[in-house]
Protein backbone atom coordinates (compact mmCIF):
# COMPACT_ATOMS: atom_id res chain seq x y z
CA MET A 1 2.50 8.56 67.61
CA PRO A 2 5.54 7.48 65.59
CA LEU A 3 8.57 9.63 64.88
CA SER A 4 8.68 11.42 61.55
CA PRO A 5 10.40 9.56 58.68
CA PRO A 6 14.22 9.78 59.07
CA GLU A 7 16.79 10.93 56.56
CA ALA A 8 18.90 8.26 54.83
CA ARG A 9 21.19 6.77 57.46
CA GLU A 10 23.42 3.86 58.46
CA PRO A 11 22.76 1.86 61.66
CA LEU A 12 25.64 2.04 64.16
CA HIS A 13 24.61 1.33 67.73
CA THR A 14 21.68 -0.26 69.58
CA ARG A 15 21.05 -0.11 73.32
CA ARG A 16 18.37 -2.36 74.74
CA TYR A 17 16.94 -2.15 78.22
CA GLU A 18 14.60 -4.77 79.59
CA PHE A 19 12.89 -4.76 82.96
CA ARG A 20 10.80 -7.47 84.58
CA GLY A 21 8.96 -7.50 87.89
CA PHE A 22 8.15 -10.54 90.02
CA ARG A 23 6.43 -11.28 93.30
CA ARG A 24 8.33 -13.90 95.22
CA ALA A 25 6.86 -16.74 97.30
CA ASP A 26 8.19 -15.00 100.43
CA ARG A 27 6.13 -11.88 99.50
CA LEU A 28 9.17 -9.82 98.58
CA TRP A 29 9.55 -8.42 95.07
CA ASP A 30 12.29 -8.92 92.48
CA ILE A 31 12.86 -6.31 89.81
CA GLU A 32 15.35 -7.40 87.17
CA GLY A 33 16.92 -5.15 84.59
CA THR A 34 19.31 -5.76 81.74
CA ILE A 35 21.25 -3.47 79.46
CA VAL A 36 22.77 -4.64 76.19
CA ASP A 37 24.80 -2.50 73.78
CA LEU A 38 25.40 -3.77 70.24
CA LYS A 39 27.38 -2.34 67.35
CA ALA A 40 26.33 -2.84 63.74
CA TYR A 41 29.97 -3.18 62.67
CA ALA A 42 32.99 -5.21 63.74
CA PHE A 43 35.76 -3.55 65.73
CA ASP A 44 38.92 -4.52 67.57
CA ASN A 45 39.07 -4.33 71.36
CA ASP A 46 42.45 -4.45 73.13
CA GLU A 47 41.22 -6.94 75.74
CA ARG A 48 38.50 -8.89 73.93
CA GLY A 49 39.97 -9.07 70.45
CA ARG A 50 37.64 -8.73 67.48
CA VAL A 51 34.06 -7.89 68.47
CA GLU A 52 31.70 -8.89 65.68
CA PRO A 53 28.41 -7.15 64.87
CA GLY A 54 25.66 -8.37 67.15
CA THR A 55 28.07 -9.40 69.93
CA PRO A 56 27.35 -7.35 73.05
CA VAL A 57 29.81 -4.61 73.88
CA HIS A 58 28.01 -4.29 77.20
CA GLY A 59 25.78 -6.97 78.69
CA MET A 60 24.86 -6.34 82.31
CA ALA A 61 22.06 -7.15 84.72
CA ILE A 62 20.79 -6.09 88.13
CA ARG A 63 18.27 -7.78 90.40
CA LEU A 64 16.71 -5.68 93.17
CA THR A 65 14.83 -7.46 95.94
CA LEU A 66 12.37 -5.06 97.58
CA ASP A 67 9.83 -5.16 100.37
CA ASP A 68 6.34 -3.63 100.19
CA THR A 69 7.73 -0.21 101.15
CA LEU A 70 10.23 -0.41 98.25
CA VAL A 71 13.26 -0.73 100.52
CA ILE A 72 16.09 -2.72 98.95
CA LYS A 73 16.63 -5.94 100.89
CA ALA A 74 19.15 -7.43 98.45
CA ILE A 75 20.85 -6.47 95.20
CA GLU A 76 22.87 -8.41 92.67
CA ALA A 77 24.78 -6.77 89.81
CA VAL A 78 26.63 -8.69 87.09
CA THR A 79 28.63 -7.85 84.01
CA ASP A 80 28.63 -10.63 81.41
CA TYR A 81 30.05 -8.40 78.67
CA GLY A 82 32.18 -5.33 79.17
CA PRO A 83 34.98 -3.71 77.20
CA TYR A 84 37.58 -4.55 79.86
CA HIS A 85 38.35 -7.55 82.03
CA VAL A 86 38.24 -5.35 85.15
CA CYS A 87 34.60 -4.27 84.54
CA PRO A 88 32.93 -7.07 86.58
CA ALA A 89 35.06 -6.22 89.64
CA ILE A 90 32.85 -3.23 90.56
CA ALA A 91 29.71 -5.34 91.12
CA PRO A 92 30.21 -5.75 94.92
CA ASN A 93 29.95 -1.95 95.37
CA PHE A 94 26.27 -2.17 94.48
CA GLN A 95 25.70 -3.73 97.92
CA ARG A 96 25.89 -0.13 99.16
CA MET A 97 22.30 0.26 97.98
CA VAL A 98 20.88 -2.29 100.46
CA GLY A 99 18.56 -0.43 102.82
CA VAL A 100 17.82 2.40 100.37
CA ARG A 101 14.19 3.06 99.47
CA VAL A 102 13.15 3.42 95.85
CA GLY A 103 11.35 6.75 95.85
CA PRO A 104 12.14 10.42 96.42
CA GLY A 105 15.92 10.87 96.56
CA TRP A 106 16.59 7.72 94.52
CA ARG A 107 18.99 9.36 92.07
CA LYS A 108 20.86 11.14 94.87
CA ALA A 109 21.23 7.90 96.83
CA ILE A 110 22.73 6.23 93.77
CA ARG A 111 25.05 9.18 93.11
CA ASP A 112 26.21 9.27 96.74
CA ARG A 113 27.09 5.57 96.75
CA LEU A 114 28.08 4.71 93.18
CA SER A 115 29.24 7.81 91.29
CA GLY A 116 32.50 8.02 89.40
CA ILE A 117 35.09 5.39 90.24
CA GLN A 118 32.79 3.87 92.87
CA GLY A 119 30.53 2.42 90.17
CA CYS A 120 30.05 1.60 86.52
CA THR A 121 28.38 4.11 84.22
CA HIS A 122 26.24 1.46 82.55
CA LEU A 123 25.14 -0.35 85.71
CA VAL A 124 24.37 2.99 87.37
CA GLU A 125 22.22 4.03 84.37
CA LEU A 126 20.41 0.70 84.58
CA LEU A 127 19.86 0.96 88.33
CA THR A 128 18.59 4.53 88.01
CA ALA A 129 16.05 3.45 85.40
CA MET A 130 14.77 0.57 87.58
CA ALA A 131 12.69 2.83 89.83
CA THR A 132 9.82 3.21 87.38
CA PRO A 133 9.51 -0.52 86.59
CA ALA A 134 9.56 -1.20 90.35
CA TYR A 135 6.65 1.20 90.84
CA GLN A 136 4.79 -0.27 87.86
CA ALA A 137 5.23 -3.84 89.05
CA ILE A 138 4.51 -3.37 92.74
CA LEU A 139 2.12 -0.47 93.26
CA PRO A 140 -0.86 -1.76 91.27
CA VAL A 141 -0.73 -5.11 93.06
CA LEU A 142 -0.56 -3.53 96.52
CA SER A 143 -3.34 -1.06 95.67
CA ARG A 144 -5.55 -3.87 94.37
CA GLU A 145 -4.88 -5.95 97.50
CA ARG A 146 -5.74 -3.01 99.79
CA ARG A 147 -8.98 -2.34 97.94
CA ALA A 148 -9.91 -6.05 98.08
CA ALA A 149 -9.31 -5.99 101.84
CA GLY A 150 -11.67 -3.01 102.17
CA ASP A 151 -8.94 -0.43 102.78
CA PRO A 152 -9.70 2.59 100.58
CA THR A 153 -6.41 4.32 101.49
CA GLU A 154 -4.36 5.17 98.43
CA THR A 155 -1.14 3.19 98.70
CA TRP A 156 1.23 5.63 97.05
CA PRO A 157 0.58 9.34 97.60
CA GLY A 158 4.36 9.68 97.10
CA LEU A 159 3.59 9.96 93.40
CA ILE A 160 2.39 13.54 93.98
CA ASN A 161 4.73 15.97 92.16
CA SER A 162 6.77 13.10 90.73
CA CYS A 163 5.83 14.24 87.21
CA HIS A 164 3.62 16.70 85.32
CA ALA A 165 0.61 14.39 85.35
CA TYR A 166 0.77 13.92 89.13
CA ARG A 167 1.32 17.58 90.05
CA ASP A 168 -0.43 18.54 93.27
CA ASP A 169 -2.63 21.14 91.56
CA GLY A 170 -3.65 18.91 88.67
CA PRO A 171 -6.72 16.82 87.90
CA LEU A 172 -5.14 13.49 88.89
CA ALA A 173 -4.16 14.74 92.35
CA LYS A 174 -7.70 16.05 92.77
CA LYS A 175 -9.11 12.66 91.75
CA TYR A 176 -6.74 10.29 93.60
CA TRP A 177 -5.49 12.36 96.55
CA PRO A 178 -8.16 15.00 97.22
CA ASP A 179 -6.81 15.60 100.74
CA ARG A 180 -3.45 16.61 99.23
CA TYR A 181 -4.82 18.51 96.23
CA LYS A 182 -3.50 22.12 96.07
CA GLY A 183 -5.43 23.41 93.07
CA PRO A 184 -8.36 25.81 92.84
């Protein structure tokens, strides 16, 4: 369903996110995310000089390495483009996320470790958004492998109450997690 036709307007800013999931040879998982901000006009930056249209204002990436339980085993954060020369210096703080599990409490864990001056607004936004691509990359593979091995146990009942569709009294909970279903 597309948006309705817009009023006449001038393009100003584009933000692109991209996420990719990989299974590694060592059976860990890499989830990579990038964020790129572009302006449709040229502007002057005190530290970078003239920034032309199409040149990233922000260009950053994060790689999470996770195990099958979605615990972070390693993390790498980089800033290739930022408005200030000091921006890349915050990347080592993202090591504070090693050992954290992607799942319930994810946003709080990020806030506790990387909020305000402890982090970078753009890298934190990117990291926060990486939970869903991690689930989408990893969970179907693990579920398929369990079923192929004859284990009918649902891999991820943690999805219950994670959104409207997976509410514990709804039809999907009844279908996928009948033992946890709370509906009529």
